[in-house]
PDB file of N, CA and C in Angstrom:
ATOM      1  N   MET A   1     -42.845 -38.702  38.596  1.00  0.00           N
ATOM      2  CA  MET A   1     -43.344 -38.905  37.791  1.00  0.00           C
ATOM      3  C   MET A   1     -44.724 -39.795  37.888  1.00  0.00           C
ATOM      4  N   ILE A   2     -45.711 -39.342  37.180  1.00  0.00           N
ATOM      5  CA  ILE A   2     -46.900 -40.201  37.126  1.00  0.00           C
ATOM      6  C   ILE A   2     -46.962 -41.496  36.154  1.00  0.00           C
ATOM      7  N   ALA A   3     -47.579 -42.523  37.021  1.00  0.00           N
ATOM      8  CA  ALA A   3     -47.463 -44.021  36.215  1.00  0.00           C
ATOM      9  C   ALA A   3     -48.867 -43.926  35.701  1.00  0.00           C
ATOM     10  N   GLN A   4     -48.902 -44.392  34.214  1.00  0.00           N
ATOM     11  CA  GLN A   4     -50.162 -44.443  33.264  1.00  0.00           C
ATOM     12  C   GLN A   4     -50.072 -45.414  32.724  1.00  0.00           C
ATOM     13  N   GLU A   5     -51.030 -46.047  32.204  1.00  0.00           N
ATOM     14  CA  GLU A   5     -51.491 -47.223  31.148  1.00  0.00           C
ATOM     15  C   GLU A   5     -51.171 -46.818  29.745  1.00  0.00           C
ATOM     16  N   MET A   6     -50.263 -47.620  29.218  1.00  0.00           N
ATOM     17  CA  MET A   6     -50.170 -47.211  27.869  1.00  0.00           C
ATOM     18  C   MET A   6     -50.056 -48.447  26.931  1.00  0.00           C
ATOM     19  N   VAL A   7     -50.105 -48.591  25.695  1.00  0.00           N
ATOM     20  CA  VAL A   7     -49.695 -49.436  24.897  1.00  0.00           C
ATOM     21  C   VAL A   7     -48.006 -49.376  25.032  1.00  0.00           C
ATOM     22  N   GLN A   8     -47.469 -50.164  24.795  1.00  0.00           N
ATOM     23  CA  GLN A   8     -45.882 -50.078  24.739  1.00  0.00           C
ATOM     24  C   GLN A   8     -45.469 -49.624  23.277  1.00  0.00           C
ATOM     25  N   PRO A   9     -44.796 -48.585  22.925  1.00  0.00           N
ATOM     26  CA  PRO A   9     -44.270 -48.100  21.662  1.00  0.00           C
ATOM     27  C   PRO A   9     -43.775 -48.983  20.826  1.00  0.00           C
ATOM     28  N   SER A  10     -43.090 -50.082  21.397  1.00  0.00           N
ATOM     29  CA  SER A  10     -42.431 -51.068  20.765  1.00  0.00           C
ATOM     30  C   SER A  10     -43.622 -52.467  20.111  1.00  0.00           C
ATOM     31  N   PHE A  11     -45.023 -52.021  20.556  1.00  0.00           N
ATOM     32  CA  PHE A  11     -46.038 -52.738  19.829  1.00  0.00           C
ATOM     33  C   PHE A  11     -46.222 -52.469  18.384  1.00  0.00           C
ATOM     34  N   PHE A  12     -45.813 -51.028  18.052  1.00  0.00           N
ATOM     35  CA  PHE A  12     -46.438 -50.557  16.830  1.00  0.00           C
ATOM     36  C   PHE A  12     -45.037 -50.978  16.125  1.00  0.00           C
ATOM     37  N   MET A  13     -43.968 -51.157  16.346  1.00  0.00           N
ATOM     38  CA  MET A  13     -42.591 -51.013  15.447  1.00  0.00           C
ATOM     39  C   MET A  13     -42.923 -51.943  14.239  1.00  0.00           C
ATOM     40  N   ARG A  14     -43.575 -53.282  14.393  1.00  0.00           N
ATOM     41  CA  ARG A  14     -43.456 -54.256  13.434  1.00  0.00           C
ATOM     42  C   ARG A  14     -44.401 -53.780  12.365  1.00  0.00           C
ATOM     43  N   SER A  15     -45.365 -53.252  12.364  1.00  0.00           N
ATOM     44  CA  SER A  15     -46.420 -53.093  11.547  1.00  0.00           C
ATOM     45  C   SER A  15     -46.677 -51.507  11.025  1.00  0.00           C
ATOM     46  N   GLY A  16     -46.212 -50.981  12.052  1.00  0.00           N
ATOM     47  CA  GLY A  16     -46.520 -49.343  11.975  1.00  0.00           C
ATOM     48  C   GLY A  16     -45.594 -48.460  11.805  1.00  0.00           C
ATOM     49  N   VAL A  17     -44.551 -48.896  11.359  1.00  0.00           N
ATOM     50  CA  VAL A  17     -43.382 -48.140  11.156  1.00  0.00           C
ATOM     51  C   VAL A  17     -42.528 -48.292   9.997  1.00  0.00           C
ATOM     52  N   ARG A  18     -42.068 -47.518   9.058  1.00  0.00           N
ATOM     53  CA  ARG A  18     -41.408 -47.628   7.877  1.00  0.00           C
ATOM     54  C   ARG A  18     -40.115 -46.536   7.914  1.00  0.00           C
ATOM     55  N   MET A  19     -39.072 -46.796   7.064  1.00  0.00           N
ATOM     56  CA  MET A  19     -37.932 -45.912   6.901  1.00  0.00           C
ATOM     57  C   MET A  19     -38.506 -44.916   5.437  1.00  0.00           C
ATOM     58  N   SER A  20     -38.320 -44.036   5.474  1.00  0.00           N
ATOM     59  CA  SER A  20     -38.253 -42.993   4.595  1.00  0.00           C
ATOM     60  C   SER A  20     -37.057 -42.192   3.991  1.00  0.00           C
ATOM     61  N   GLN A  21     -36.749 -42.430   2.745  1.00  0.00           N
ATOM     62  CA  GLN A  21     -35.417 -41.351   2.406  1.00  0.00           C
ATOM     63  C   GLN A  21     -35.710 -40.030   2.444  1.00  0.00           C
ATOM     64  N   PHE A  22     -34.946 -39.653   3.130  1.00  0.00           N
ATOM     65  CA  PHE A  22     -34.935 -37.730   3.183  1.00  0.00           C
ATOM     66  C   PHE A  22     -33.694 -37.060   3.106  1.00  0.00           C
ATOM     67  N   GLY A  23     -33.281 -36.730   1.948  1.00  0.00           N
ATOM     68  CA  GLY A  23     -32.125 -36.386   1.366  1.00  0.00           C
ATOM     69  C   GLY A  23     -30.948 -37.703   1.485  1.00  0.00           C
ATOM     70  N   ASP A  24     -30.087 -37.531   1.920  1.00  0.00           N
ATOM     71  CA  ASP A  24     -29.158 -38.499   2.183  1.00  0.00           C
ATOM     72  C   ASP A  24     -29.191 -39.587   3.114  1.00  0.00           C
ATOM     73  N   PHE A  25     -30.032 -39.376   3.985  1.00  0.00           N
ATOM     74  CA  PHE A  25     -30.337 -40.371   4.931  1.00  0.00           C
ATOM     75  C   PHE A  25     -31.987 -40.444   5.037  1.00  0.00           C
ATOM     76  N   TYR A  26     -32.149 -42.010   6.240  1.00  0.00           N
ATOM     77  CA  TYR A  26     -33.383 -42.194   6.336  1.00  0.00           C
ATOM     78  C   TYR A  26     -33.872 -41.865   7.227  1.00  0.00           C
ATOM     79  N   ILE A  27     -35.345 -41.393   7.424  1.00  0.00           N
ATOM     80  CA  ILE A  27     -35.668 -41.138   8.744  1.00  0.00           C
ATOM     81  C   ILE A  27     -37.156 -42.013   8.978  1.00  0.00           C
ATOM     82  N   PHE A  28     -37.254 -42.397  10.491  1.00  0.00           N
ATOM     83  CA  PHE A  28     -38.523 -43.226  10.716  1.00  0.00           C
ATOM     84  C   PHE A  28     -39.924 -42.294  10.585  1.00  0.00           C
ATOM     85  N   LYS A  29     -40.835 -43.129  10.078  1.00  0.00           N
ATOM     86  CA  LYS A  29     -42.178 -42.633   9.930  1.00  0.00           C
ATOM     87  C   LYS A  29     -43.206 -43.402  10.326  1.00  0.00           C
ATOM     88  N   PHE A  30     -44.472 -43.139  10.504  1.00  0.00           N
ATOM     89  CA  PHE A  30     -45.745 -44.057  10.623  1.00  0.00           C
ATOM     90  C   PHE A  30     -46.042 -44.403   9.292  1.00  0.00           C
ATOM     91  N   THR A  31     -46.720 -45.656   9.321  1.00  0.00           N
ATOM     92  CA  THR A  31     -47.064 -46.103   8.223  1.00  0.00           C
ATOM     93  C   THR A  31     -48.226 -45.163   7.923  1.00  0.00           C
ATOM     94  N   ASP A  32     -49.198 -45.227   6.866  1.00  0.00           N
ATOM     95  CA  ASP A  32     -50.272 -44.284   6.439  1.00  0.00           C
ATOM     96  C   ASP A  32     -51.343 -45.008   7.367  1.00  0.00           C
ATOM     97  N   GLU A  33     -51.196 -46.435   7.640  1.00  0.00           N
ATOM     98  CA  GLU A  33     -52.272 -46.685   8.671  1.00  0.00           C
ATOM     99  C   GLU A  33     -52.226 -46.371   9.766  1.00  0.00           C
ATOM    100  N   LEU A  34     -50.839 -46.527  10.283  1.00  0.00           N
ATOM    101  CA  LEU A  34     -50.928 -46.005  11.791  1.00  0.00           C
ATOM    102  C   LEU A  34     -51.073 -44.343  11.751  1.00  0.00           C
ATOM    103  N   GLN A  35     -50.401 -43.836  10.970  1.00  0.00           N
ATOM    104  CA  GLN A  35     -50.877 -41.889  10.714  1.00  0.00           C
ATOM    105  C   GLN A  35     -52.301 -42.040  10.918  1.00  0.00           C
ATOM    106  N   SER A  36     -53.138 -42.974  10.132  1.00  0.00           N
ATOM    107  CA  SER A  36     -54.709 -42.646  10.230  1.00  0.00           C
ATOM    108  C   SER A  36     -55.463 -42.791  11.674  1.00  0.00           C
ATOM    109  N   ARG A  37     -54.700 -43.955  12.119  1.00  0.00           N
ATOM    110  CA  ARG A  37     -55.176 -44.212  13.466  1.00  0.00           C
ATOM    111  C   ARG A  37     -54.874 -43.177  14.525  1.00  0.00           C
ATOM    112  N   PHE A  38     -53.517 -42.838  14.348  1.00  0.00           N
ATOM    113  CA  PHE A  38     -53.063 -41.649  15.815  1.00  0.00           C
ATOM    114  C   PHE A  38     -54.157 -40.327  15.102  1.00  0.00           C
ATOM    115  N   GLU A  39     -54.360 -40.273  14.037  1.00  0.00           N
ATOM    116  CA  GLU A  39     -55.345 -38.560  13.726  1.00  0.00           C
ATOM    117  C   GLU A  39     -56.508 -38.991  14.317  1.00  0.00           C
ATOM    118  N   GLU A  40     -57.002 -40.421  13.889  1.00  0.00           N
ATOM    119  CA  GLU A  40     -58.588 -40.744  14.413  1.00  0.00           C
ATOM    120  C   GLU A  40     -58.538 -40.482  16.032  1.00  0.00           C
ATOM    121  N   LEU A  41     -57.740 -41.043  16.864  1.00  0.00           N
ATOM    122  CA  LEU A  41     -57.646 -41.073  18.097  1.00  0.00           C
ATOM    123  C   LEU A  41     -57.290 -39.866  18.745  1.00  0.00           C
ATOM    124  N   LEU A  42     -56.679 -38.950  18.010  1.00  0.00           N
ATOM    125  CA  LEU A  42     -56.526 -37.376  18.376  1.00  0.00           C
ATOM    126  C   LEU A  42     -57.971 -36.589  18.400  1.00  0.00           C
ATOM    127  N   GLY A  43     -58.589 -36.814  17.435  1.00  0.00           N
ATOM    128  CA  GLY A  43     -59.808 -36.349  17.115  1.00  0.00           C
ATOM    129  C   GLY A  43     -60.943 -36.814  17.983  1.00  0.00           C
ATOM    130  N   LYS A  44     -60.819 -38.028  18.544  1.00  0.00           N
ATOM    131  CA  LYS A  44     -61.817 -38.688  19.525  1.00  0.00           C
ATOM    132  C   LYS A  44     -61.272 -38.196  20.995  1.00  0.00           C
ATOM    133  N   ASN A  45     -59.929 -37.536  20.965  1.00  0.00           N
ATOM    134  CA  ASN A  45     -59.452 -37.204  22.356  1.00  0.00           C
ATOM    135  C   ASN A  45     -60.077 -35.800  22.533  1.00  0.00           C
ATOM    136  N   LYS A  46     -59.854 -35.012  21.290  1.00  0.00           N
ATOM    137  CA  LYS A  46     -60.485 -33.636  21.327  1.00  0.00           C
ATOM    138  C   LYS A  46     -61.941 -33.529  21.932  1.00  0.00           C
ATOM    139  N   GLN A  47     -62.806 -34.538  21.466  1.00  0.00           N
ATOM    140  CA  GLN A  47     -64.060 -34.624  21.734  1.00  0.00           C
ATOM    141  C   GLN A  47     -64.361 -35.186  23.149  1.00  0.00           C
ATOM    142  N   ASP A  48     -63.478 -35.624  23.690  1.00  0.00           N
ATOM    143  CA  ASP A  48     -63.437 -36.460  24.991  1.00  0.00           C
ATOM    144  C   ASP A  48     -64.236 -37.678  24.856  1.00  0.00           C
ATOM    145  N   LEU A  49     -64.105 -38.360  23.821  1.00  0.00           N
ATOM    146  CA  LEU A  49     -64.600 -39.722  23.390  1.00  0.00           C
ATOM    147  C   LEU A  49     -63.805 -40.905  23.765  1.00  0.00           C
ATOM    148  N   LEU A  50     -62.629 -40.802  24.262  1.00  0.00           N
ATOM    149  CA  LEU A  50     -61.728 -42.087  24.015  1.00  0.00           C
ATOM    150  C   LEU A  50     -61.991 -43.095  25.221  1.00  0.00           C
ATOM    151  N   THR A  51     -62.101 -44.538  24.959  1.00  0.00           N
ATOM    152  CA  THR A  51     -62.054 -45.490  25.998  1.00  0.00           C
ATOM    153  C   THR A  51     -60.896 -45.444  26.766  1.00  0.00           C
ATOM    154  N   LYS A  52     -60.965 -46.519  27.665  1.00  0.00           N
ATOM    155  CA  LYS A  52     -59.544 -46.378  28.403  1.00  0.00           C
ATOM    156  C   LYS A  52     -58.635 -47.283  27.639  1.00  0.00           C
ATOM    157  N   GLU A  53     -58.882 -48.261  26.625  1.00  0.00           N
ATOM    158  CA  GLU A  53     -58.065 -48.953  26.016  1.00  0.00           C
ATOM    159  C   GLU A  53     -57.447 -47.735  24.726  1.00  0.00           C
ATOM    160  N   GLU A  54     -58.436 -46.961  24.358  1.00  0.00           N
ATOM    161  CA  GLU A  54     -57.949 -46.090  23.181  1.00  0.00           C
ATOM    162  C   GLU A  54     -57.080 -45.063  23.782  1.00  0.00           C
ATOM    163  N   ARG A  55     -57.196 -44.691  25.189  1.00  0.00           N
ATOM    164  CA  ARG A  55     -56.471 -43.700  25.597  1.00  0.00           C
ATOM    165  C   ARG A  55     -54.751 -44.287  25.857  1.00  0.00           C
ATOM    166  N   ALA A  56     -55.239 -45.573  26.217  1.00  0.00           N
ATOM    167  CA  ALA A  56     -53.459 -46.295  26.146  1.00  0.00           C
ATOM    168  C   ALA A  56     -52.725 -46.431  24.796  1.00  0.00           C
ATOM    169  N   GLU A  57     -53.632 -46.874  23.679  1.00  0.00           N
ATOM    170  CA  GLU A  57     -53.374 -46.820  22.520  1.00  0.00           C
ATOM    171  C   GLU A  57     -52.692 -45.276  22.150  1.00  0.00           C
ATOM    172  N   LEU A  58     -53.486 -44.400  22.430  1.00  0.00           N
ATOM    173  CA  LEU A  58     -52.894 -42.871  21.783  1.00  0.00           C
ATOM    174  C   LEU A  58     -51.768 -42.534  22.725  1.00  0.00           C
ATOM    175  N   ASP A  59     -51.661 -43.007  23.893  1.00  0.00           N
ATOM    176  CA  ASP A  59     -50.415 -42.686  24.629  1.00  0.00           C
ATOM    177  C   ASP A  59     -49.124 -43.370  24.161  1.00  0.00           C
ATOM    178  N   GLY A  60     -49.449 -44.729  23.767  1.00  0.00           N
ATOM    179  CA  GLY A  60     -48.368 -45.276  23.088  1.00  0.00           C
ATOM    180  C   GLY A  60     -47.984 -44.629  21.984  1.00  0.00           C
ATOM    181  N   ILE A  61     -48.652 -44.219  21.098  1.00  0.00           N
ATOM    182  CA  ILE A  61     -48.506 -43.869  19.713  1.00  0.00           C
ATOM    183  C   ILE A  61     -47.832 -42.423  19.982  1.00  0.00           C
ATOM    184  N   SER A  62     -48.181 -41.772  20.937  1.00  0.00           N
ATOM    185  CA  SER A  62     -47.593 -40.541  21.000  1.00  0.00           C
ATOM    186  C   SER A  62     -46.365 -40.635  21.543  1.00  0.00           C
ATOM    187  N   GLU A  63     -45.927 -41.675  22.380  1.00  0.00           N
ATOM    188  CA  GLU A  63     -44.476 -41.631  23.007  1.00  0.00           C
ATOM    189  C   GLU A  63     -43.431 -41.936  21.707  1.00  0.00           C
ATOM    190  N   LEU A  64     -44.128 -43.104  20.969  1.00  0.00           N
ATOM    191  CA  LEU A  64     -43.516 -43.484  19.918  1.00  0.00           C
ATOM    192  C   LEU A  64     -43.031 -42.351  18.885  1.00  0.00           C
ATOM    193  N   SER A  65     -44.234 -41.308  18.766  1.00  0.00           N
ATOM    194  CA  SER A  65     -43.857 -40.078  17.782  1.00  0.00           C
ATOM    195  C   SER A  65     -42.761 -39.191  18.525  1.00  0.00           C
ATOM    196  N   ARG A  66     -42.615 -38.949  19.977  1.00  0.00           N
ATOM    197  CA  ARG A  66     -41.655 -38.293  20.348  1.00  0.00           C
ATOM    198  C   ARG A  66     -40.401 -38.942  20.235  1.00  0.00           C
ATOM    199  N   ILE A  67     -40.264 -40.302  20.413  1.00  0.00           N
ATOM    200  CA  ILE A  67     -39.201 -41.112  20.239  1.00  0.00           C
ATOM    201  C   ILE A  67     -38.597 -40.844  18.886  1.00  0.00           C
ATOM    202  N   PHE A  68     -39.573 -40.800  17.716  1.00  0.00           N
ATOM    203  CA  PHE A  68     -38.761 -40.639  16.482  1.00  0.00           C
ATOM    204  C   PHE A  68     -38.554 -39.247  16.233  1.00  0.00           C
ATOM    205  N   THR A  69     -39.309 -38.546  16.673  1.00  0.00           N
ATOM    206  CA  THR A  69     -39.016 -36.907  16.646  1.00  0.00           C
ATOM    207  C   THR A  69     -37.356 -36.524  17.341  1.00  0.00           C
ATOM    208  N   PHE A  70     -36.979 -37.565  18.164  1.00  0.00           N
ATOM    209  CA  PHE A  70     -35.617 -37.213  18.741  1.00  0.00           C
ATOM    210  C   PHE A  70     -34.674 -37.759  17.807  1.00  0.00           C
ATOM    211  N   ILE A  71     -35.000 -38.995  17.451  1.00  0.00           N
ATOM    212  CA  ILE A  71     -34.160 -39.832  16.443  1.00  0.00           C
ATOM    213  C   ILE A  71     -33.710 -39.221  15.312  1.00  0.00           C
ATOM    214  N   ASN A  72     -34.863 -38.742  14.876  1.00  0.00           N
ATOM    215  CA  ASN A  72     -34.764 -38.171  13.534  1.00  0.00           C
ATOM    216  C   ASN A  72     -34.054 -37.010  13.453  1.00  0.00           C
ATOM    217  N   ALA A  73     -34.198 -35.999  14.712  1.00  0.00           N
ATOM    218  CA  ALA A  73     -33.532 -34.870  14.787  1.00  0.00           C
ATOM    219  C   ALA A  73     -31.903 -34.930  14.732  1.00  0.00           C
ATOM    220  N   GLN A  74     -31.707 -36.156  15.518  1.00  0.00           N
ATOM    221  CA  GLN A  74     -30.098 -36.613  15.776  1.00  0.00           C
ATOM    222  C   GLN A  74     -29.733 -37.061  14.223  1.00  0.00           C
ATOM    223  N   LEU A  75     -30.321 -37.878  13.638  1.00  0.00           N
ATOM    224  CA  LEU A  75     -30.219 -38.021  12.054  1.00  0.00           C
ATOM    225  C   LEU A  75     -29.940 -36.838  11.130  1.00  0.00           C
ATOM    226  N   ALA A  76     -30.735 -35.948  11.611  1.00  0.00           N
ATOM    227  CA  ALA A  76     -30.647 -34.697  10.493  1.00  0.00           C
ATOM    228  C   ALA A  76     -29.348 -33.859  11.122  1.00  0.00           C
ATOM    229  N   ALA A  77     -29.152 -33.781  12.250  1.00  0.00           N
ATOM    230  CA  ALA A  77     -27.793 -33.392  12.758  1.00  0.00           C
ATOM    231  C   ALA A  77     -26.781 -33.740  12.317  1.00  0.00           C
ATOM    232  N   GLN A  78     -26.552 -34.899  12.027  1.00  0.00           N
ATOM    233  CA  GLN A  78     -25.323 -36.050  11.448  1.00  0.00           C
ATOM    234  C   GLN A  78     -25.572 -35.651   9.907  1.00  0.00           C
ATOM    235  N   ALA A  79     -26.296 -35.352   9.545  1.00  0.00           N
ATOM    236  CA  ALA A  79     -26.389 -35.262   7.809  1.00  0.00           C
ATOM    237  C   ALA A  79     -25.508 -34.048   7.328  1.00  0.00           C
ATOM    238  N   LYS A  80     -24.539 -34.271   6.224  1.00  0.00           N
ATOM    239  CA  LYS A  80     -23.966 -33.345   5.645  1.00  0.00           C
ATOM    240  C   LYS A  80     -24.591 -31.843   5.266  1.00  0.00           C
ATOM    241  N   TRP A  81     -25.857 -31.999   4.774  1.00  0.00           N
ATOM    242  CA  TRP A  81     -26.614 -30.876   4.379  1.00  0.00           C
ATOM    243  C   TRP A  81     -27.370 -30.051   5.684  1.00  0.00           C
ATOM    244  N   CYS A  82     -27.245 -30.549   6.553  1.00  0.00           N
ATOM    245  CA  CYS A  82     -27.760 -29.827   8.122  1.00  0.00           C
ATOM    246  C   CYS A  82     -26.787 -29.452   9.144  1.00  0.00           C
ATOM    247  N   PRO A  83     -26.444 -27.952   8.743  1.00  0.00           N
ATOM    248  CA  PRO A  83     -25.562 -27.324   9.968  1.00  0.00           C
ATOM    249  C   PRO A  83     -25.985 -27.950  11.318  1.00  0.00           C
ATOM    250  N   THR A  84     -24.820 -28.310  11.917  1.00  0.00           N
ATOM    251  CA  THR A  84     -24.798 -28.296  13.707  1.00  0.00           C
ATOM    252  C   THR A  84     -25.085 -27.080  14.319  1.00  0.00           C
ATOM    253  N   GLN A  85     -24.545 -25.892  13.430  1.00  0.00           N
ATOM    254  CA  GLN A  85     -24.730 -24.787  14.445  1.00  0.00           C
ATOM    255  C   GLN A  85     -25.697 -23.905  13.462  1.00  0.00           C
ATOM    256  N   LEU A  86     -26.904 -23.012  14.140  1.00  0.00           N
ATOM    257  CA  LEU A  86     -27.389 -21.948  13.239  1.00  0.00           C
ATOM    258  C   LEU A  86     -26.648 -21.044  12.801  1.00  0.00           C
ATOM    259  N   GLU A  87     -25.448 -20.716  13.513  1.00  0.00           N
ATOM    260  CA  GLU A  87     -24.707 -19.632  12.863  1.00  0.00           C
ATOM    261  C   GLU A  87     -24.060 -20.186  11.041  1.00  0.00           C
ATOM    262  N   ASN A  88     -23.832 -21.412  11.170  1.00  0.00           N
ATOM    263  CA  ASN A  88     -23.409 -21.875   9.812  1.00  0.00           C
ATOM    264  C   ASN A  88     -24.400 -21.383   8.600  1.00  0.00           C
ATOM    265  N   LEU A  89     -25.381 -21.034   9.049  1.00  0.00           N
ATOM    266  CA  LEU A  89     -26.526 -20.965   7.989  1.00  0.00           C
ATOM    267  C   LEU A  89     -26.097 -19.334   7.528  1.00  0.00           C
ATOM    268  N   TYR A  90     -25.526 -18.539   8.142  1.00  0.00           N
ATOM    269  CA  TYR A  90     -25.532 -16.917   8.115  1.00  0.00           C
ATOM    270  C   TYR A  90     -24.095 -16.762   7.838  1.00  0.00           C
ATOM    271  N   ASP A  91     -23.296 -17.542   7.803  1.00  0.00           N
ATOM    272  CA  ASP A  91     -21.956 -17.360   7.678  1.00  0.00           C
ATOM    273  C   ASP A  91     -21.695 -16.180   6.481  1.00  0.00           C
ATOM    274  N   ASN A  92     -22.431 -15.981   5.232  1.00  0.00           N
ATOM    275  CA  ASN A  92     -21.853 -14.972   4.352  1.00  0.00           C
ATOM    276  C   ASN A  92     -23.050 -13.793   4.223  1.00  0.00           C
ATOM    277  N   GLU A  93     -23.789 -13.704   5.357  1.00  0.00           N
ATOM    278  CA  GLU A  93     -24.772 -12.857   5.074  1.00  0.00           C
ATOM    279  C   GLU A  93     -24.421 -11.708   5.752  1.00  0.00           C
ATOM    280  N   PRO A  94     -24.674 -10.620   5.522  1.00  0.00           N
ATOM    281  CA  PRO A  94     -24.582  -9.382   6.321  1.00  0.00           C
ATOM    282  C   PRO A  94     -25.260  -9.286   7.902  1.00  0.00           C
ATOM    283  N   ASP A  95     -24.095  -8.377   8.518  1.00  0.00           N
ATOM    284  CA  ASP A  95     -24.972  -8.552   9.974  1.00  0.00           C
ATOM    285  C   ASP A  95     -26.030  -7.196   9.793  1.00  0.00           C
ATOM    286  N   SER A  96     -27.004  -7.678  10.087  1.00  0.00           N
ATOM    287  CA  SER A  96     -28.014  -6.655  10.202  1.00  0.00           C
ATOM    288  C   SER A  96     -28.559  -6.333  11.500  1.00  0.00           C
ATOM    289  N   SER A  97     -28.014  -7.000  12.478  1.00  0.00           N
ATOM    290  CA  SER A  97     -28.470  -6.749  13.513  1.00  0.00           C
ATOM    291  C   SER A  97     -28.157  -5.245  14.128  1.00  0.00           C
ATOM    292  N   ALA A  98     -29.142  -4.767  15.371  1.00  0.00           N
ATOM    293  CA  ALA A  98     -28.954  -3.378  15.724  1.00  0.00           C
ATOM    294  C   ALA A  98     -29.027  -3.366  17.070  1.00  0.00           C
ATOM    295  N   SER A  99     -28.422  -2.434  17.976  1.00  0.00           N
ATOM    296  CA  SER A  99     -28.495  -2.294  19.088  1.00  0.00           C
ATOM    297  C   SER A  99     -29.113  -0.985  19.319  1.00  0.00           C
ATOM    298  N   ILE A 100     -30.309  -0.934  20.241  1.00  0.00           N
ATOM    299  CA  ILE A 100     -30.608   0.297  20.409  1.00  0.00           C
ATOM    300  C   ILE A 100     -30.788   0.451  22.035  1.00  0.00           C
ATOM    301  N   ALA A 101     -30.359   1.726  22.422  1.00  0.00           N
ATOM    302  CA  ALA A 101     -30.060   1.769  23.797  1.00  0.00           C
ATOM    303  C   ALA A 101     -31.141   3.206  23.919  1.00  0.00           C
ATOM    304  N   THR A 102     -31.826   3.332  24.982  1.00  0.00           N
ATOM    305  CA  THR A 102     -32.695   4.355  25.334  1.00  0.00           C
ATOM    306  C   THR A 102     -31.948   4.975  26.322  1.00  0.00           C
ATOM    307  N   PRO A 103     -31.783   6.511  26.128  1.00  0.00           N
ATOM    308  CA  PRO A 103     -31.241   7.094  27.106  1.00  0.00           C
ATOM    309  C   PRO A 103     -32.337   7.109  28.308  1.00  0.00           C
ATOM    310  N   GLN A 104     -31.840   7.252  29.584  1.00  0.00           N
ATOM    311  CA  GLN A 104     -32.738   7.235  30.818  1.00  0.00           C
ATOM    312  C   GLN A 104     -32.521   8.815  31.092  1.00  0.00           C
ATOM    313  N   ASN A 105     -34.002   9.202  31.801  1.00  0.00           N
ATOM    314  CA  ASN A 105     -34.081  10.615  31.973  1.00  0.00           C
ATOM    315  C   ASN A 105     -33.438  10.636  33.477  1.00  0.00           C
ATOM    316  N   THR A 106     -32.509  11.681  33.898  1.00  0.00           N
ATOM    317  CA  THR A 106     -31.697  11.678  35.172  1.00  0.00           C
ATOM    318  C   THR A 106     -32.237  13.168  35.724  1.00  0.00           C
TER     319      THR A 106
END
């Protein structure tokens, strides 16, 4: 593991996070302000214009985004509308798969 400087993701929790209803449950999202800042930093990163402090900020926001993606996926998996197995999506669909074998020349 490589050590790196980053703003702690918890720093953004108080002012940069909101809950948003999604179906029958809530997910974690960035506020509009934090999302805009994230996009600004990503743009500067693409142009290789980040300062050391901005790099630490971008790394912290990116880590928080990964955490939210994981948590939100767990919440979605627990929701009644979201099947936990992909096979459940196709229970009533006809089997359209095909197996093709190519004879070998002997």
